[in-house]
Amino acid sequence: MNAPAQRDIFSARRSRGFTLLEILVALALVGLVLVGLNTFIFSMGELWGRRSEVRLFDQHVRAVSRFLERELRRAVWPPESAPGQPGIGVREVRPRSGSSGPLLRFELRDGSRLIAWPGQRLPEVVCALAVRDGTGLVLLWQSRLETRFGDDPPRETVISPLVTAIQYDYYDAESRAWRTESSPRRNRENADQYDAPRRVRLTFKHGAATQETVITVPSSVEGIPTY
């Protein structure tokens, strides 16, 4: 076969394009690549979503802890607390949805940013912390200037629905050790009174994630705070 004839055969083959088998093989390869990419993308998205949820949970725990630390410090700084009077203590409180019990109680002269008054905003707000199943950490509050202060149960505001437990830390000077109690400890000399804890432990739970945070209960200070 001469050279011109061979060139005609080669040009005819090139002009035919891809065969059906070649197209099917190419489509199969492209499909495998797309399946691999989709699997990678979805797996990364699921992993990123789980990590994002964990980060949001951590941010919530830190935000609630900082809020309580700030409010408790306000309760012991002048002029919130009167000289010689403990700004934070434990008292029997009767909530709206349950029997009375000992709760960590403190007073804020100007109230808190979480408090939404139904009417005129009032000062001298007495607050308490409680944890309820299915509700979370609740702020109980009532102004001393209300006409039925002490008679009506305090109003309630949910601080965090993720808090499942609150515990109280006491320091024993004799044994030089910390003890964690599930409820406030009664005073040894006067059983009608309760000792204020040195620290408060909050347990947060969201799905399978659980986290505990410790909040220091500050003591009353005189004059201007140094921090």
Protein backbone atom coordinates (compact mmCIF):
# COMPACT_ATOMS: atom_id res chain seq x y z
CA MET A 1 0.00 0.00 0.00
CA ASN A 2 1.40 3.32 -1.01
CA ALA A 3 1.83 6.29 1.32
CA PRO A 4 -1.15 8.35 0.06
CA ALA A 5 -3.49 5.43 0.73
CA GLN A 6 -2.17 4.99 4.32
CA ARG A 7 -2.67 8.70 5.05
CA ASP A 8 -6.27 8.40 3.83
CA ILE A 9 -6.94 5.48 6.20
CA PHE A 10 -5.46 7.32 9.21
CA SER A 11 -7.40 10.48 8.45
CA ALA A 12 -10.59 8.46 8.13
CA ARG A 13 -10.02 6.86 11.56
CA ARG A 14 -9.37 10.26 13.16
CA SER A 15 -12.52 11.71 11.62
CA ARG A 16 -14.66 8.93 13.13
CA GLY A 17 -14.10 10.31 16.73
CA PHE A 18 -14.53 8.13 19.86
CA THR A 19 -16.12 4.73 19.73
CA LEU A 20 -19.09 3.79 21.93
CA LEU A 21 -16.88 1.69 24.16
CA GLU A 22 -14.48 4.57 24.71
CA ILE A 23 -17.37 6.89 25.62
CA LEU A 24 -18.76 4.37 28.13
CA VAL A 25 -15.36 3.91 29.74
CA ALA A 26 -14.92 7.68 29.99
CA LEU A 27 -18.39 8.12 31.55
CA ALA A 28 -17.65 5.37 34.05
CA LEU A 29 -14.39 7.05 35.05
CA VAL A 30 -16.09 10.45 35.41
CA GLY A 31 -18.84 8.85 37.53
CA LEU A 32 -16.31 7.27 39.85
CA VAL A 33 -14.55 10.61 40.27
CA LEU A 34 -17.86 12.39 41.02
CA VAL A 35 -18.88 9.74 43.54
CA GLY A 36 -15.53 10.09 45.29
CA LEU A 37 -15.84 13.87 45.39
CA ASN A 38 -19.39 13.74 46.74
CA THR A 39 -18.39 11.29 49.46
CA PHE A 40 -15.47 13.51 50.45
CA ILE A 41 -17.56 16.68 50.45
CA PHE A 42 -20.39 15.16 52.50
CA SER A 43 -18.01 13.58 55.00
CA MET A 44 -16.17 16.88 55.46
CA GLY A 45 -19.46 18.73 55.83
CA GLU A 46 -20.65 16.29 58.48
CA LEU A 47 -17.35 16.53 60.34
CA TRP A 48 -17.37 20.33 60.15
CA GLY A 49 -20.97 20.41 61.36
CA ARG A 50 -20.13 18.31 64.40
CA ARG A 51 -17.15 20.48 65.27
CA SER A 52 -19.22 23.62 64.78
CA GLU A 53 -21.83 22.29 67.21
CA VAL A 54 -19.14 21.54 69.77
CA ARG A 55 -17.72 25.07 69.39
CA LEU A 56 -21.16 26.61 69.85
CA PHE A 57 -21.67 24.50 72.98
CA ASP A 58 -18.33 25.68 74.39
CA GLN A 59 -19.18 29.30 73.59
CA HIS A 60 -22.52 28.96 75.37
CA VAL A 61 -20.88 27.50 78.49
CA ARG A 62 -18.31 30.30 78.59
CA ALA A 63 -20.93 33.01 78.00
CA VAL A 64 -23.18 31.77 80.82
CA SER A 65 -20.22 31.41 83.18
CA ARG A 66 -18.97 34.95 82.43
CA PHE A 67 -22.46 36.36 82.91
CA LEU A 68 -22.86 34.75 86.34
CA GLU A 69 -19.37 35.77 87.43
CA ARG A 70 -20.09 39.37 86.43
CA GLU A 71 -23.47 39.47 88.20
CA LEU A 72 -22.08 37.93 91.40
CA ARG A 73 -19.22 40.44 91.44
CA ARG A 74 -21.73 43.26 91.04
CA ALA A 75 -23.65 41.93 94.04
CA VAL A 76 -20.67 42.38 96.40
CA TRP A 77 -19.31 45.65 95.03
CA PRO A 78 -20.42 48.90 96.68
CA PRO A 79 -22.96 50.35 96.43
CA GLU A 80 -24.79 47.11 95.56
CA SER A 81 -24.10 45.60 99.00
CA ALA A 82 -24.40 47.52 102.24
CA PRO A 83 -21.24 47.81 104.39
CA GLY A 84 -20.92 44.86 106.74
CA GLN A 85 -23.67 42.92 104.97
CA PRO A 86 -22.90 39.83 102.89
CA GLY A 87 -23.84 40.50 99.31
CA ILE A 88 -24.36 36.82 98.54
CA GLY A 89 -25.96 34.23 100.78
CA VAL A 90 -28.31 31.26 100.90
CA ARG A 91 -31.97 31.76 101.78
CA GLU A 92 -35.21 29.84 101.54
CA VAL A 93 -37.01 30.89 98.37
CA ARG A 94 -40.50 29.87 97.28
CA PRO A 95 -40.67 29.76 93.47
CA ARG A 96 -43.82 29.76 91.38
CA SER A 97 -43.62 26.13 90.34
CA GLY A 98 -42.52 24.30 93.47
CA SER A 99 -42.00 24.24 97.21
CA SER A 100 -39.55 26.52 98.95
CA GLY A 101 -35.92 25.51 99.23
CA PRO A 102 -32.48 26.96 99.94
CA LEU A 103 -31.07 28.84 96.95
CA LEU A 104 -28.05 31.03 96.31
CA ARG A 105 -29.40 34.57 96.63
CA PHE A 106 -27.92 37.97 95.81
CA GLU A 107 -29.16 41.51 95.27
CA LEU A 108 -28.60 43.83 92.31
CA ARG A 109 -29.48 47.47 92.78
CA ASP A 110 -30.07 48.10 89.06
CA GLY A 111 -31.31 44.64 88.16
CA SER A 112 -29.91 42.57 85.31
CA ARG A 113 -29.98 42.86 81.53
CA LEU A 114 -31.89 39.55 81.38
CA ILE A 115 -34.76 40.93 83.42
CA ALA A 116 -37.76 42.04 81.36
CA TRP A 117 -40.13 44.02 83.56
CA PRO A 118 -43.84 43.76 82.80
CA GLY A 119 -44.27 47.38 83.88
CA GLN A 120 -42.05 50.10 85.29
CA ARG A 121 -38.45 49.07 85.89
CA LEU A 122 -37.64 48.91 89.60
CA PRO A 123 -34.33 48.87 91.50
CA GLU A 124 -33.22 46.78 94.49
CA VAL A 125 -33.80 43.45 92.78
CA VAL A 126 -33.35 40.31 94.87
CA CYS A 127 -32.19 37.40 92.70
CA ALA A 128 -31.72 33.67 93.22
CA LEU A 129 -30.44 30.76 91.12
CA ALA A 130 -32.27 27.48 90.65
CA VAL A 131 -31.99 24.49 88.30
CA ARG A 132 -35.08 22.60 87.15
CA ASP A 133 -35.41 19.42 85.14
CA GLY A 134 -36.50 20.19 81.60
CA THR A 135 -36.07 23.94 82.11
CA GLY A 136 -32.41 24.55 82.95
CA LEU A 137 -30.80 27.32 84.98
CA VAL A 138 -33.41 29.83 86.12
CA LEU A 139 -32.96 33.33 87.54
CA LEU A 140 -35.60 34.15 90.15
CA TRP A 141 -36.05 37.86 90.74
CA GLN A 142 -38.22 40.37 92.58
CA SER A 143 -37.82 43.99 93.59
CA ARG A 144 -38.00 45.02 97.20
CA LEU A 145 -40.10 48.00 96.12
CA GLU A 146 -42.95 45.85 94.85
CA THR A 147 -46.06 46.13 97.00
CA ARG A 148 -46.30 42.36 97.45
CA PHE A 149 -42.61 41.66 97.89
CA GLY A 150 -42.20 38.52 99.97
CA ASP A 151 -45.84 37.52 99.49
CA ASP A 152 -45.87 36.77 95.77
CA PRO A 153 -43.37 34.28 94.37
CA PRO A 154 -40.54 35.83 92.34
CA ARG A 155 -40.61 36.08 88.58
CA GLU A 156 -38.48 33.70 86.56
CA THR A 157 -36.11 34.06 83.60
CA VAL A 158 -34.30 31.12 82.00
CA ILE A 159 -30.56 31.77 81.80
CA SER A 160 -29.59 28.53 80.08
CA PRO A 161 -31.72 25.51 79.09
CA LEU A 162 -28.58 23.36 78.92
CA VAL A 163 -27.77 23.39 82.66
CA THR A 164 -28.79 20.10 84.27
CA ALA A 165 -27.32 20.44 87.79
CA ILE A 166 -25.94 22.94 90.27
CA GLN A 167 -23.60 22.02 93.13
CA TYR A 168 -21.95 23.97 95.93
CA ASP A 169 -18.30 23.84 97.00
CA TYR A 170 -17.29 24.42 100.61
CA TYR A 171 -13.75 24.64 101.97
CA ASP A 172 -13.05 22.86 105.23
CA ALA A 173 -10.27 24.73 107.02
CA GLU A 174 -9.65 21.87 109.47
CA SER A 175 -9.08 19.19 106.86
CA ARG A 176 -7.87 21.70 104.26
CA ALA A 177 -10.04 20.07 101.65
CA TRP A 178 -12.93 21.01 99.40
CA ARG A 179 -16.33 19.33 99.68
CA THR A 180 -18.98 19.43 96.99
CA GLU A 181 -22.59 19.38 98.14
CA SER A 182 -25.71 18.82 96.05
CA SER A 183 -27.59 21.41 98.15
CA PRO A 184 -26.49 24.33 100.35
CA ARG A 185 -25.00 23.31 103.69
CA ARG A 186 -26.73 24.22 106.94
CA ASN A 187 -24.83 26.26 109.48
CA ARG A 188 -23.42 24.11 112.30
CA GLU A 189 -24.20 26.65 115.00
CA ASN A 190 -27.63 27.68 113.71
CA ALA A 191 -29.57 25.01 111.82
CA ASP A 192 -32.06 27.61 110.55
CA GLN A 193 -29.34 29.30 108.50
CA TYR A 194 -27.17 28.17 105.60
CA ASP A 195 -23.51 28.72 104.84
CA ALA A 196 -22.67 30.55 101.64
CA PRO A 197 -20.57 28.36 99.31
CA ARG A 198 -17.15 29.40 98.13
CA ARG A 199 -17.78 28.11 94.62
CA VAL A 200 -20.69 27.00 92.45
CA ARG A 201 -20.50 24.14 89.94
CA LEU A 202 -22.77 24.06 86.91
CA THR A 203 -23.19 21.00 84.70
CA PHE A 204 -24.08 21.67 81.06
CA LYS A 205 -25.36 18.94 78.75
CA HIS A 206 -26.17 18.99 75.04
CA GLY A 207 -26.69 15.67 73.30
CA ALA A 208 -23.74 13.46 74.19
CA ALA A 209 -21.56 16.42 75.25
CA THR A 210 -21.26 17.25 78.95
CA GLN A 211 -19.22 20.05 80.48
CA GLU A 212 -18.78 21.34 84.02
CA THR A 213 -17.78 24.86 84.96
CA VAL A 214 -16.77 26.26 88.34
CA ILE A 215 -17.75 29.81 89.33
CA THR A 216 -16.15 31.50 92.32
CA VAL A 217 -18.55 33.13 94.76
CA PRO A 218 -16.89 36.45 95.71
CA SER A 219 -16.86 37.90 99.19
CA SER A 220 -18.08 41.39 100.05
CA VAL A 221 -15.55 44.15 99.48
CA GLU A 222 -15.12 47.60 100.97
CA GLY A 223 -14.54 50.64 98.79
CA ILE A 224 -13.65 50.47 95.10
CA PRO A 225 -12.71 47.01 93.74
CA THR A 226 -9.16 46.59 92.49
CA TYR A 227 -10.04 44.33 89.54
